[in-house]
Amino acid sequence: MQYSQFAESDAQLAVASLLDDGLSKTQVAKNLGIAERNVYRAIERMKGNAAKRGYSPEHDMIHVVPEGYKVKGVSTYYNEEGKPTGQWVKSATDEQQRVQALLDAVEKAATALPKFKPTKPPVNPDENLASLLTITDFHLGMKAWRVSDGDDWDVKIARDVFLNAVNDMISASPKSGTGILNQLGDFFALGWTCSGYAHLRAPPDRGRPLL
């Protein structure tokens, strides 16, 4: 087994690389300056990762699915002597990896966004105070048009409102030692129009879209 193929973190990869080079568990621990039990833990996690992708020889699972996939089920056919003669492997995309790839892409894209000038921290703050900045039902991503909806709303407007609102709240707050951004829900409304949103939330007899 090539452990590095199934490592999912830098710590696991460090252990895997040395194991793949032929070092013993004791040697790996000494080389990395970690407890030997941490090497065993890394091995168990990598074996678990391997099993999810279809590799567990002690269970006659030797067909590894590609990166980004996981095994949903394995059916192994045995002959009269108890030896495996065929195997059916069902796989699916690994949703956890897909989500992580999406988060990585968003984080990378965010580095190119314009930066909002940060508010200067208070001088000599009162550590006994906490300022609670509450945002609720912000609906970032929803679109509204003032002609039919009473007001305009889109991502650019939402960004300006959010950043200026937080800036104003911080500026109006006392010199608190602690600041809490309290996001209560409905922050995103991706793909919604005001009329579409009102269609779900408004009573059946209400004809006018609500913001």
N, C-alpha and C. Protein backbone atom coordinates (compact mmCIF):
# COMPACT_ATOMS: atom_id res chain seq x y z
N MET A 1 0.84 -1.20 0.00
CA MET A 1 0.00 0.00 0.00
C MET A 1 0.87 1.25 0.00
N GLN A 2 0.63 2.14 -0.93
CA GLN A 2 1.31 3.42 -0.95
C GLN A 2 0.47 4.42 -0.14
N TYR A 3 0.93 4.69 1.08
CA TYR A 3 0.14 5.52 1.98
C TYR A 3 -0.11 6.92 1.44
N SER A 4 0.90 7.47 0.75
CA SER A 4 0.78 8.85 0.28
C SER A 4 -0.40 9.04 -0.67
N GLN A 5 -0.85 7.97 -1.31
CA GLN A 5 -1.98 8.05 -2.23
C GLN A 5 -3.28 8.37 -1.49
N PHE A 6 -3.29 8.07 -0.17
CA PHE A 6 -4.53 8.23 0.59
C PHE A 6 -4.38 9.24 1.73
N ALA A 7 -3.32 10.03 1.71
CA ALA A 7 -3.14 11.07 2.72
C ALA A 7 -4.02 12.27 2.39
N GLU A 8 -4.69 12.81 3.40
CA GLU A 8 -5.61 13.93 3.17
C GLU A 8 -5.22 15.17 3.96
N SER A 9 -4.04 15.18 4.54
CA SER A 9 -3.56 16.36 5.26
C SER A 9 -2.05 16.38 5.16
N ASP A 10 -1.46 17.53 5.48
CA ASP A 10 -0.01 17.65 5.45
C ASP A 10 0.64 16.71 6.47
N ALA A 11 0.01 16.57 7.64
CA ALA A 11 0.56 15.70 8.68
C ALA A 11 0.54 14.25 8.22
N GLN A 12 -0.57 13.83 7.60
CA GLN A 12 -0.65 12.46 7.09
C GLN A 12 0.36 12.23 5.97
N LEU A 13 0.52 13.24 5.11
CA LEU A 13 1.45 13.09 3.99
C LEU A 13 2.89 12.96 4.47
N ALA A 14 3.24 13.69 5.54
CA ALA A 14 4.59 13.61 6.10
C ALA A 14 4.87 12.19 6.60
N VAL A 15 3.88 11.61 7.29
CA VAL A 15 4.02 10.24 7.77
C VAL A 15 4.05 9.26 6.60
N ALA A 16 3.15 9.46 5.65
CA ALA A 16 3.02 8.55 4.51
C ALA A 16 4.29 8.50 3.67
N SER A 17 4.90 9.64 3.44
CA SER A 17 6.09 9.69 2.59
C SER A 17 7.23 8.86 3.18
N LEU A 18 7.39 8.94 4.51
CA LEU A 18 8.46 8.18 5.16
C LEU A 18 8.14 6.69 5.20
N LEU A 19 6.87 6.35 5.42
CA LEU A 19 6.48 4.94 5.39
C LEU A 19 6.68 4.36 3.99
N ASP A 20 6.34 5.13 2.98
CA ASP A 20 6.51 4.67 1.60
C ASP A 20 7.99 4.49 1.24
N ASP A 21 8.86 5.24 1.94
CA ASP A 21 10.30 5.10 1.72
C ASP A 21 10.89 3.90 2.45
N GLY A 22 10.06 3.21 3.23
CA GLY A 22 10.51 1.99 3.90
C GLY A 22 10.86 2.14 5.36
N LEU A 23 10.64 3.33 5.95
CA LEU A 23 10.96 3.51 7.37
C LEU A 23 9.92 2.81 8.23
N SER A 24 10.35 2.36 9.40
CA SER A 24 9.42 1.74 10.35
C SER A 24 8.62 2.82 11.05
N LYS A 25 7.60 2.43 11.76
CA LYS A 25 6.77 3.40 12.49
C LYS A 25 7.60 4.12 13.54
N THR A 26 8.49 3.38 14.20
CA THR A 26 9.35 4.00 15.21
C THR A 26 10.29 5.01 14.57
N GLN A 27 10.85 4.66 13.43
CA GLN A 27 11.75 5.57 12.72
C GLN A 27 11.02 6.82 12.23
N VAL A 28 9.78 6.63 11.76
CA VAL A 28 8.98 7.77 11.30
C VAL A 28 8.73 8.74 12.44
N ALA A 29 8.35 8.20 13.60
CA ALA A 29 8.08 9.03 14.77
C ALA A 29 9.33 9.82 15.17
N LYS A 30 10.46 9.15 15.19
CA LYS A 30 11.72 9.81 15.58
C LYS A 30 12.11 10.87 14.55
N ASN A 31 11.92 10.54 13.28
CA ASN A 31 12.29 11.47 12.21
C ASN A 31 11.46 12.74 12.25
N LEU A 32 10.16 12.59 12.57
CA LEU A 32 9.26 13.75 12.58
C LEU A 32 9.16 14.41 13.94
N GLY A 33 9.76 13.79 14.96
CA GLY A 33 9.70 14.37 16.29
C GLY A 33 8.32 14.30 16.91
N ILE A 34 7.60 13.20 16.64
CA ILE A 34 6.25 13.04 17.19
C ILE A 34 6.16 11.72 17.94
N ALA A 35 5.11 11.57 18.73
CA ALA A 35 4.90 10.32 19.46
C ALA A 35 4.53 9.22 18.48
N GLU A 36 4.95 8.00 18.78
CA GLU A 36 4.69 6.87 17.87
C GLU A 36 3.19 6.61 17.74
N ARG A 37 2.43 6.91 18.80
CA ARG A 37 0.98 6.68 18.72
C ARG A 37 0.35 7.59 17.66
N ASN A 38 0.96 8.76 17.42
CA ASN A 38 0.43 9.65 16.38
C ASN A 38 0.67 9.08 14.99
N VAL A 39 1.75 8.31 14.84
CA VAL A 39 2.00 7.62 13.57
C VAL A 39 0.94 6.57 13.34
N TYR A 40 0.62 5.81 14.39
CA TYR A 40 -0.43 4.78 14.28
C TYR A 40 -1.78 5.41 13.94
N ARG A 41 -2.06 6.56 14.56
CA ARG A 41 -3.33 7.24 14.29
C ARG A 41 -3.39 7.69 12.83
N ALA A 42 -2.29 8.24 12.33
CA ALA A 42 -2.25 8.67 10.94
C ALA A 42 -2.46 7.50 9.99
N ILE A 43 -1.85 6.36 10.33
CA ILE A 43 -2.00 5.16 9.50
C ILE A 43 -3.46 4.71 9.48
N GLU A 44 -4.10 4.72 10.65
CA GLU A 44 -5.50 4.29 10.71
C GLU A 44 -6.39 5.21 9.89
N ARG A 45 -6.11 6.51 9.95
CA ARG A 45 -6.91 7.45 9.16
C ARG A 45 -6.69 7.23 7.67
N MET A 46 -5.45 6.99 7.28
CA MET A 46 -5.17 6.76 5.86
C MET A 46 -5.78 5.45 5.38
N LYS A 47 -5.80 4.43 6.25
CA LYS A 47 -6.46 3.18 5.89
C LYS A 47 -7.96 3.40 5.72
N GLY A 48 -8.52 4.25 6.58
CA GLY A 48 -9.94 4.58 6.44
C GLY A 48 -10.21 5.31 5.14
N ASN A 49 -9.30 6.25 4.80
CA ASN A 49 -9.44 6.97 3.53
C ASN A 49 -9.35 6.00 2.36
N ALA A 50 -8.42 5.05 2.47
CA ALA A 50 -8.23 4.06 1.40
C ALA A 50 -9.48 3.21 1.22
N ALA A 51 -10.09 2.79 2.35
CA ALA A 51 -11.29 1.96 2.27
C ALA A 51 -12.43 2.71 1.61
N LYS A 52 -12.55 4.01 1.90
CA LYS A 52 -13.60 4.81 1.28
C LYS A 52 -13.44 4.88 -0.23
N ARG A 53 -12.19 4.75 -0.68
CA ARG A 53 -11.94 4.80 -2.13
C ARG A 53 -11.77 3.40 -2.73
N GLY A 54 -12.06 2.37 -1.93
CA GLY A 54 -12.12 1.02 -2.49
C GLY A 54 -10.92 0.14 -2.24
N TYR A 55 -9.98 0.57 -1.37
CA TYR A 55 -8.78 -0.24 -1.15
C TYR A 55 -8.73 -0.72 0.30
N SER A 56 -8.97 -2.01 0.48
CA SER A 56 -8.87 -2.66 1.78
C SER A 56 -8.62 -4.14 1.52
N PRO A 57 -7.34 -4.50 1.25
CA PRO A 57 -7.01 -5.87 0.84
C PRO A 57 -7.49 -6.96 1.80
N GLU A 58 -7.50 -6.66 3.10
CA GLU A 58 -7.95 -7.67 4.06
C GLU A 58 -9.43 -8.00 3.89
N HIS A 59 -10.14 -7.14 3.15
CA HIS A 59 -11.55 -7.40 2.85
C HIS A 59 -11.75 -7.67 1.35
N ASP A 60 -10.66 -8.01 0.67
CA ASP A 60 -10.68 -8.32 -0.76
C ASP A 60 -11.12 -7.12 -1.61
N MET A 61 -10.89 -5.90 -1.09
CA MET A 61 -11.21 -4.70 -1.86
C MET A 61 -9.89 -4.14 -2.41
N ILE A 62 -9.72 -4.22 -3.72
CA ILE A 62 -8.44 -3.80 -4.32
C ILE A 62 -8.65 -2.86 -5.52
N HIS A 63 -9.89 -2.48 -5.78
CA HIS A 63 -10.17 -1.61 -6.93
C HIS A 63 -10.39 -0.18 -6.44
N VAL A 64 -9.38 0.67 -6.64
CA VAL A 64 -9.42 2.04 -6.14
C VAL A 64 -10.17 2.92 -7.14
N VAL A 65 -11.12 3.72 -6.63
CA VAL A 65 -11.84 4.66 -7.48
C VAL A 65 -11.01 5.93 -7.62
N PRO A 66 -11.24 6.74 -8.66
CA PRO A 66 -10.41 7.93 -8.90
C PRO A 66 -10.52 8.97 -7.79
N GLU A 67 -9.58 9.88 -7.77
CA GLU A 67 -9.60 11.01 -6.84
C GLU A 67 -10.90 11.78 -7.03
N GLY A 68 -11.53 12.17 -5.92
CA GLY A 68 -12.79 12.89 -6.01
C GLY A 68 -14.01 11.99 -5.97
N TYR A 69 -13.79 10.66 -5.90
CA TYR A 69 -14.88 9.70 -5.81
C TYR A 69 -14.75 8.90 -4.53
N LYS A 70 -15.84 8.26 -4.14
CA LYS A 70 -15.82 7.35 -3.01
C LYS A 70 -16.66 6.13 -3.35
N VAL A 71 -16.37 5.03 -2.68
CA VAL A 71 -17.09 3.79 -2.93
C VAL A 71 -18.43 3.80 -2.19
N LYS A 72 -19.50 3.48 -2.90
CA LYS A 72 -20.82 3.38 -2.29
C LYS A 72 -21.15 1.94 -1.91
N GLY A 73 -20.57 1.00 -2.63
CA GLY A 73 -20.85 -0.39 -2.33
C GLY A 73 -19.93 -1.32 -3.09
N VAL A 74 -19.63 -2.47 -2.51
CA VAL A 74 -18.77 -3.48 -3.14
C VAL A 74 -19.43 -4.85 -3.00
N SER A 75 -19.59 -5.54 -4.10
CA SER A 75 -20.10 -6.92 -4.09
C SER A 75 -19.02 -7.84 -4.63
N THR A 76 -18.58 -8.78 -3.82
CA THR A 76 -17.51 -9.69 -4.21
C THR A 76 -18.08 -11.11 -4.36
N TYR A 77 -17.73 -11.75 -5.46
CA TYR A 77 -18.20 -13.12 -5.74
C TYR A 77 -17.09 -14.11 -5.40
N TYR A 78 -17.43 -15.14 -4.61
CA TYR A 78 -16.46 -16.15 -4.18
C TYR A 78 -16.85 -17.51 -4.77
N ASN A 79 -15.79 -18.29 -5.08
CA ASN A 79 -16.05 -19.64 -5.58
C ASN A 79 -16.23 -20.61 -4.41
N GLU A 80 -16.35 -21.89 -4.74
CA GLU A 80 -16.60 -22.89 -3.69
C GLU A 80 -15.44 -23.01 -2.71
N GLU A 81 -14.25 -22.57 -3.14
CA GLU A 81 -13.09 -22.63 -2.26
C GLU A 81 -12.96 -21.37 -1.40
N GLY A 82 -13.89 -20.45 -1.57
CA GLY A 82 -13.85 -19.22 -0.79
C GLY A 82 -12.93 -18.16 -1.36
N LYS A 83 -12.48 -18.34 -2.60
CA LYS A 83 -11.60 -17.35 -3.22
C LYS A 83 -12.42 -16.40 -4.09
N PRO A 84 -12.07 -15.10 -4.05
CA PRO A 84 -12.83 -14.14 -4.86
C PRO A 84 -12.61 -14.38 -6.36
N THR A 85 -13.70 -14.40 -7.10
CA THR A 85 -13.62 -14.62 -8.55
C THR A 85 -14.14 -13.44 -9.36
N GLY A 86 -14.75 -12.50 -8.71
CA GLY A 86 -15.26 -11.32 -9.40
C GLY A 86 -15.70 -10.28 -8.40
N GLN A 87 -15.79 -9.04 -8.86
CA GLN A 87 -16.15 -7.96 -7.93
C GLN A 87 -16.87 -6.84 -8.68
N TRP A 88 -17.90 -6.33 -8.04
CA TRP A 88 -18.67 -5.21 -8.59
C TRP A 88 -18.52 -4.03 -7.64
N VAL A 89 -18.04 -2.89 -8.16
CA VAL A 89 -17.79 -1.72 -7.32
C VAL A 89 -18.68 -0.57 -7.79
N LYS A 90 -19.45 -0.02 -6.88
CA LYS A 90 -20.30 1.13 -7.20
C LYS A 90 -19.71 2.36 -6.53
N SER A 91 -19.50 3.42 -7.31
CA SER A 91 -18.88 4.63 -6.78
C SER A 91 -19.76 5.85 -7.02
N ALA A 92 -19.43 6.92 -6.33
CA ALA A 92 -20.14 8.20 -6.49
C ALA A 92 -19.15 9.31 -6.19
N THR A 93 -19.47 10.52 -6.61
CA THR A 93 -18.60 11.65 -6.33
C THR A 93 -18.55 11.89 -4.82
N ASP A 94 -17.40 12.27 -4.34
CA ASP A 94 -17.21 12.55 -2.92
C ASP A 94 -17.67 13.97 -2.64
N GLU A 95 -18.84 14.10 -2.04
CA GLU A 95 -19.43 15.42 -1.81
C GLU A 95 -18.55 16.28 -0.91
N GLN A 96 -17.90 15.66 0.06
CA GLN A 96 -17.04 16.42 0.97
C GLN A 96 -15.89 17.06 0.21
N GLN A 97 -15.29 16.31 -0.73
CA GLN A 97 -14.20 16.87 -1.52
C GLN A 97 -14.71 17.95 -2.46
N ARG A 98 -15.91 17.75 -2.99
CA ARG A 98 -16.48 18.78 -3.87
C ARG A 98 -16.71 20.08 -3.12
N VAL A 99 -17.24 19.98 -1.91
CA VAL A 99 -17.47 21.17 -1.10
C VAL A 99 -16.15 21.85 -0.76
N GLN A 100 -15.13 21.06 -0.39
CA GLN A 100 -13.83 21.62 -0.06
C GLN A 100 -13.21 22.31 -1.27
N ALA A 101 -13.35 21.70 -2.46
CA ALA A 101 -12.83 22.30 -3.69
C ALA A 101 -13.53 23.63 -3.97
N LEU A 102 -14.84 23.67 -3.71
CA LEU A 102 -15.60 24.91 -3.90
C LEU A 102 -15.14 25.98 -2.93
N LEU A 103 -14.94 25.60 -1.66
CA LEU A 103 -14.48 26.57 -0.66
C LEU A 103 -13.09 27.09 -1.00
N ASP A 104 -12.21 26.20 -1.49
CA ASP A 104 -10.87 26.63 -1.89
C ASP A 104 -10.93 27.62 -3.05
N ALA A 105 -11.84 27.35 -4.01
CA ALA A 105 -11.98 28.24 -5.16
C ALA A 105 -12.51 29.61 -4.73
N VAL A 106 -13.47 29.61 -3.79
CA VAL A 106 -14.03 30.87 -3.30
C VAL A 106 -12.96 31.66 -2.55
N GLU A 107 -12.18 30.96 -1.72
CA GLU A 107 -11.12 31.64 -0.96
C GLU A 107 -10.07 32.23 -1.89
N LYS A 108 -9.74 31.49 -2.96
CA LYS A 108 -8.75 31.99 -3.92
C LYS A 108 -9.29 33.20 -4.67
N ALA A 109 -10.57 33.14 -5.07
CA ALA A 109 -11.18 34.26 -5.79
C ALA A 109 -11.29 35.50 -4.91
N ALA A 110 -11.49 35.28 -3.60
CA ALA A 110 -11.68 36.39 -2.69
C ALA A 110 -10.43 37.26 -2.56
N THR A 111 -9.27 36.67 -2.84
CA THR A 111 -8.03 37.45 -2.72
C THR A 111 -7.96 38.58 -3.75
N ALA A 112 -8.74 38.45 -4.84
CA ALA A 112 -8.72 39.48 -5.89
C ALA A 112 -9.76 40.57 -5.67
N LEU A 113 -10.62 40.41 -4.65
CA LEU A 113 -11.66 41.39 -4.39
C LEU A 113 -11.08 42.66 -3.77
N PRO A 114 -11.70 43.82 -4.06
CA PRO A 114 -11.22 45.07 -3.44
C PRO A 114 -11.38 45.02 -1.94
N LYS A 115 -10.46 45.61 -1.23
CA LYS A 115 -10.46 45.57 0.23
C LYS A 115 -11.13 46.82 0.80
N PHE A 116 -11.92 46.62 1.85
CA PHE A 116 -12.57 47.72 2.56
C PHE A 116 -11.62 48.20 3.66
N LYS A 117 -11.43 49.49 3.75
CA LYS A 117 -10.51 50.03 4.74
C LYS A 117 -10.98 49.67 6.14
N PRO A 118 -10.16 48.95 6.91
CA PRO A 118 -10.60 48.51 8.24
C PRO A 118 -10.72 49.68 9.22
N THR A 119 -11.64 49.54 10.15
CA THR A 119 -11.82 50.55 11.20
C THR A 119 -10.71 50.40 12.23
N LYS A 120 -10.17 51.50 12.68
CA LYS A 120 -9.09 51.45 13.65
C LYS A 120 -9.62 50.92 14.99
N PRO A 121 -8.88 50.08 15.67
CA PRO A 121 -9.32 49.57 16.98
C PRO A 121 -9.32 50.68 18.01
N PRO A 122 -10.18 50.58 19.03
CA PRO A 122 -10.23 51.62 20.05
C PRO A 122 -8.97 51.64 20.90
N VAL A 123 -8.64 52.82 21.37
CA VAL A 123 -7.50 52.98 22.28
C VAL A 123 -7.99 52.79 23.70
N ASN A 124 -7.27 52.02 24.48
CA ASN A 124 -7.63 51.74 25.88
C ASN A 124 -9.07 51.22 25.99
N PRO A 125 -9.37 50.09 25.37
CA PRO A 125 -10.74 49.56 25.42
C PRO A 125 -11.13 49.07 26.80
N ASP A 126 -12.43 49.05 27.05
CA ASP A 126 -12.97 48.55 28.32
C ASP A 126 -13.23 47.06 28.15
N GLU A 127 -12.43 46.23 28.82
CA GLU A 127 -12.54 44.77 28.68
C GLU A 127 -13.80 44.21 29.31
N ASN A 128 -14.53 45.05 30.04
CA ASN A 128 -15.79 44.60 30.64
C ASN A 128 -16.98 44.79 29.71
N LEU A 129 -16.75 45.39 28.55
CA LEU A 129 -17.82 45.65 27.60
C LEU A 129 -17.68 44.78 26.36
N ALA A 130 -18.84 44.44 25.78
CA ALA A 130 -18.86 43.72 24.50
C ALA A 130 -19.88 44.40 23.59
N SER A 131 -19.50 44.65 22.35
CA SER A 131 -20.41 45.25 21.38
C SER A 131 -20.95 44.16 20.46
N LEU A 132 -22.28 44.05 20.40
CA LEU A 132 -22.95 43.04 19.60
C LEU A 132 -23.48 43.70 18.33
N LEU A 133 -22.92 43.32 17.18
CA LEU A 133 -23.34 43.87 15.89
C LEU A 133 -24.20 42.82 15.19
N THR A 134 -25.49 43.08 15.09
CA THR A 134 -26.43 42.07 14.58
C THR A 134 -26.82 42.33 13.13
N ILE A 135 -26.72 41.27 12.31
CA ILE A 135 -27.17 41.31 10.92
C ILE A 135 -28.18 40.18 10.74
N THR A 136 -29.35 40.50 10.19
CA THR A 136 -30.35 39.46 9.99
C THR A 136 -31.14 39.70 8.71
N ASP A 137 -31.53 38.61 8.04
CA ASP A 137 -32.33 38.70 6.81
C ASP A 137 -31.70 39.64 5.79
N PHE A 138 -30.42 39.45 5.54
CA PHE A 138 -29.70 40.37 4.66
C PHE A 138 -29.97 40.09 3.18
N HIS A 139 -30.22 38.82 2.83
CA HIS A 139 -30.60 38.43 1.46
C HIS A 139 -29.57 38.83 0.41
N LEU A 140 -28.31 38.57 0.70
CA LEU A 140 -27.27 38.84 -0.28
C LEU A 140 -27.46 37.93 -1.50
N GLY A 141 -27.52 38.53 -2.67
CA GLY A 141 -27.73 37.76 -3.90
C GLY A 141 -29.12 37.94 -4.48
N MET A 142 -30.05 38.43 -3.68
CA MET A 142 -31.39 38.70 -4.19
C MET A 142 -31.39 39.97 -5.02
N LYS A 143 -32.26 40.03 -6.02
CA LYS A 143 -32.38 41.22 -6.85
C LYS A 143 -33.79 41.81 -6.71
N ALA A 144 -33.84 43.14 -6.59
CA ALA A 144 -35.12 43.84 -6.51
C ALA A 144 -35.04 45.11 -7.36
N TRP A 145 -36.17 45.52 -7.87
CA TRP A 145 -36.27 46.71 -8.73
C TRP A 145 -37.30 47.65 -8.13
N ARG A 146 -36.90 48.92 -7.94
CA ARG A 146 -37.76 49.85 -7.20
C ARG A 146 -39.12 50.07 -7.86
N VAL A 147 -39.20 49.94 -9.21
CA VAL A 147 -40.46 50.19 -9.90
C VAL A 147 -41.53 49.19 -9.47
N SER A 148 -41.14 47.93 -9.31
CA SER A 148 -42.12 46.92 -8.94
C SER A 148 -42.02 46.50 -7.48
N ASP A 149 -40.84 46.72 -6.87
CA ASP A 149 -40.60 46.19 -5.53
C ASP A 149 -40.45 47.25 -4.45
N GLY A 150 -40.42 48.52 -4.86
CA GLY A 150 -40.33 49.58 -3.88
C GLY A 150 -38.93 50.07 -3.59
N ASP A 151 -37.91 49.27 -3.97
CA ASP A 151 -36.52 49.67 -3.73
C ASP A 151 -35.61 48.81 -4.59
N ASP A 152 -34.40 49.28 -4.80
CA ASP A 152 -33.41 48.52 -5.55
C ASP A 152 -32.56 47.68 -4.60
N TRP A 153 -32.15 46.49 -5.09
CA TRP A 153 -31.27 45.64 -4.29
C TRP A 153 -30.53 44.68 -5.21
N ASP A 154 -29.20 44.67 -5.11
CA ASP A 154 -28.38 43.71 -5.84
C ASP A 154 -27.11 43.50 -5.05
N VAL A 155 -26.17 42.72 -5.60
CA VAL A 155 -24.96 42.38 -4.84
C VAL A 155 -24.12 43.60 -4.53
N LYS A 156 -23.99 44.53 -5.49
CA LYS A 156 -23.18 45.73 -5.26
C LYS A 156 -23.79 46.59 -4.15
N ILE A 157 -25.11 46.79 -4.22
CA ILE A 157 -25.78 47.58 -3.18
C ILE A 157 -25.65 46.88 -1.83
N ALA A 158 -25.85 45.55 -1.84
CA ALA A 158 -25.75 44.79 -0.59
C ALA A 158 -24.36 44.91 0.02
N ARG A 159 -23.33 44.84 -0.82
CA ARG A 159 -21.95 44.95 -0.31
C ARG A 159 -21.75 46.31 0.36
N ASP A 160 -22.17 47.37 -0.32
CA ASP A 160 -21.98 48.72 0.23
C ASP A 160 -22.76 48.91 1.52
N VAL A 161 -23.99 48.39 1.54
CA VAL A 161 -24.82 48.52 2.75
C VAL A 161 -24.19 47.75 3.91
N PHE A 162 -23.74 46.53 3.63
CA PHE A 162 -23.17 45.70 4.70
C PHE A 162 -21.92 46.34 5.28
N LEU A 163 -20.96 46.69 4.42
CA LEU A 163 -19.70 47.22 4.91
C LEU A 163 -19.88 48.56 5.61
N ASN A 164 -20.72 49.43 5.06
CA ASN A 164 -20.95 50.73 5.69
C ASN A 164 -21.73 50.59 6.98
N ALA A 165 -22.68 49.63 7.03
CA ALA A 165 -23.46 49.43 8.25
C ALA A 165 -22.56 48.95 9.38
N VAL A 166 -21.70 47.95 9.09
CA VAL A 166 -20.78 47.45 10.11
C VAL A 166 -19.83 48.56 10.55
N ASN A 167 -19.32 49.33 9.58
CA ASN A 167 -18.42 50.44 9.90
C ASN A 167 -19.11 51.46 10.81
N ASP A 168 -20.38 51.79 10.48
CA ASP A 168 -21.12 52.77 11.28
C ASP A 168 -21.41 52.23 12.68
N MET A 169 -21.76 50.94 12.77
CA MET A 169 -22.05 50.36 14.08
C MET A 169 -20.81 50.34 14.96
N ILE A 170 -19.66 50.01 14.35
CA ILE A 170 -18.42 50.00 15.13
C ILE A 170 -18.07 51.42 15.58
N SER A 171 -18.24 52.38 14.67
CA SER A 171 -17.92 53.77 15.01
C SER A 171 -18.80 54.30 16.14
N ALA A 172 -20.07 53.83 16.19
CA ALA A 172 -21.00 54.31 17.21
C ALA A 172 -20.92 53.50 18.50
N SER A 173 -20.15 52.44 18.52
CA SER A 173 -20.06 51.59 19.70
C SER A 173 -19.09 52.17 20.72
N PRO A 174 -19.28 51.83 21.98
CA PRO A 174 -18.30 52.24 23.00
C PRO A 174 -16.98 51.51 22.77
N LYS A 175 -15.99 51.88 23.53
CA LYS A 175 -14.67 51.26 23.40
C LYS A 175 -14.66 49.88 24.05
N SER A 176 -15.33 48.95 23.40
CA SER A 176 -15.49 47.60 23.97
C SER A 176 -14.25 46.77 23.74
N GLY A 177 -13.94 45.94 24.72
CA GLY A 177 -12.80 45.05 24.57
C GLY A 177 -13.11 43.87 23.67
N THR A 178 -14.42 43.58 23.48
CA THR A 178 -14.84 42.45 22.66
C THR A 178 -15.89 42.89 21.65
N GLY A 179 -15.75 42.44 20.42
CA GLY A 179 -16.74 42.70 19.38
C GLY A 179 -17.30 41.40 18.85
N ILE A 180 -18.62 41.32 18.70
CA ILE A 180 -19.28 40.11 18.22
C ILE A 180 -20.12 40.44 17.00
N LEU A 181 -19.83 39.78 15.87
CA LEU A 181 -20.66 39.93 14.68
C LEU A 181 -21.72 38.83 14.73
N ASN A 182 -22.95 39.19 14.94
CA ASN A 182 -24.05 38.26 15.18
C ASN A 182 -24.91 38.13 13.92
N GLN A 183 -24.64 37.07 13.12
CA GLN A 183 -25.39 36.86 11.88
C GLN A 183 -26.49 35.84 12.16
N LEU A 184 -27.75 36.28 12.16
CA LEU A 184 -28.84 35.46 12.66
C LEU A 184 -29.44 34.52 11.62
N GLY A 185 -29.24 34.79 10.33
CA GLY A 185 -29.82 33.89 9.33
C GLY A 185 -30.28 34.63 8.09
N ASP A 186 -30.57 33.82 7.05
CA ASP A 186 -31.00 34.37 5.75
C ASP A 186 -30.01 35.40 5.21
N PHE A 187 -28.72 35.12 5.39
CA PHE A 187 -27.72 36.05 4.86
C PHE A 187 -27.66 35.98 3.34
N PHE A 188 -27.78 34.76 2.78
CA PHE A 188 -27.74 34.58 1.34
C PHE A 188 -29.14 34.33 0.78
N ALA A 189 -29.36 34.81 -0.44
CA ALA A 189 -30.58 34.50 -1.19
C ALA A 189 -30.18 34.40 -2.65
N LEU A 190 -29.24 33.51 -2.94
CA LEU A 190 -28.65 33.45 -4.28
C LEU A 190 -29.69 33.04 -5.32
N GLY A 191 -29.73 33.82 -6.40
CA GLY A 191 -30.59 33.48 -7.52
C GLY A 191 -32.02 33.94 -7.37
N TRP A 192 -32.36 34.58 -6.22
CA TRP A 192 -33.74 35.00 -6.01
C TRP A 192 -33.98 36.40 -6.55
N THR A 193 -35.18 36.61 -7.08
CA THR A 193 -35.68 37.96 -7.32
C THR A 193 -36.59 38.31 -6.17
N CYS A 194 -36.86 39.58 -6.02
CA CYS A 194 -37.75 39.98 -4.93
C CYS A 194 -39.11 39.33 -5.11
N SER A 195 -39.61 39.30 -6.34
CA SER A 195 -40.92 38.72 -6.61
C SER A 195 -40.92 37.23 -6.29
N GLY A 196 -39.82 36.54 -6.65
CA GLY A 196 -39.73 35.11 -6.38
C GLY A 196 -39.70 34.82 -4.91
N TYR A 197 -39.00 35.65 -4.16
CA TYR A 197 -38.92 35.46 -2.71
C TYR A 197 -40.27 35.71 -2.07
N ALA A 198 -40.95 36.76 -2.53
CA ALA A 198 -42.25 37.08 -1.97
C ALA A 198 -43.26 35.98 -2.27
N HIS A 199 -43.07 35.31 -3.39
CA HIS A 199 -43.98 34.23 -3.76
C HIS A 199 -43.98 33.13 -2.70
N LEU A 200 -42.81 32.92 -2.06
CA LEU A 200 -42.73 31.88 -1.02
C LEU A 200 -43.18 32.38 0.33
N ARG A 201 -42.90 33.65 0.62
CA ARG A 201 -43.10 34.15 1.97
C ARG A 201 -44.44 34.89 2.17
N ALA A 202 -44.98 35.50 1.10
CA ALA A 202 -46.17 36.32 1.25
C ALA A 202 -47.43 35.46 1.30
N PRO A 203 -48.50 35.93 1.95
CA PRO A 203 -49.77 35.20 1.95
C PRO A 203 -50.31 35.08 0.54
N PRO A 204 -51.13 34.03 0.28
CA PRO A 204 -51.64 33.79 -1.09
C PRO A 204 -52.40 34.96 -1.68
N ASP A 205 -53.09 35.76 -0.82
CA ASP A 205 -53.91 36.84 -1.35
C ASP A 205 -53.13 38.13 -1.55
N ARG A 206 -51.82 38.11 -1.28
CA ARG A 206 -51.02 39.31 -1.44
C ARG A 206 -50.42 39.32 -2.83
N GLY A 207 -50.75 40.34 -3.62
CA GLY A 207 -50.30 40.38 -4.99
C GLY A 207 -48.99 41.10 -5.19
N ARG A 208 -48.69 42.08 -4.33
CA ARG A 208 -47.50 42.91 -4.55
C ARG A 208 -46.28 42.25 -3.94
N PRO A 209 -45.17 42.14 -4.70
CA PRO A 209 -43.93 41.56 -4.14
C PRO A 209 -43.43 42.40 -2.98
N LEU A 210 -42.84 41.73 -2.01
CA LEU A 210 -42.29 42.43 -0.84
C LEU A 210 -40.78 42.30 -0.82
N LEU A 211 -40.10 43.31 -0.34
CA LEU A 211 -38.65 43.26 -0.17
C LEU A 211 -38.34 42.71 1.21
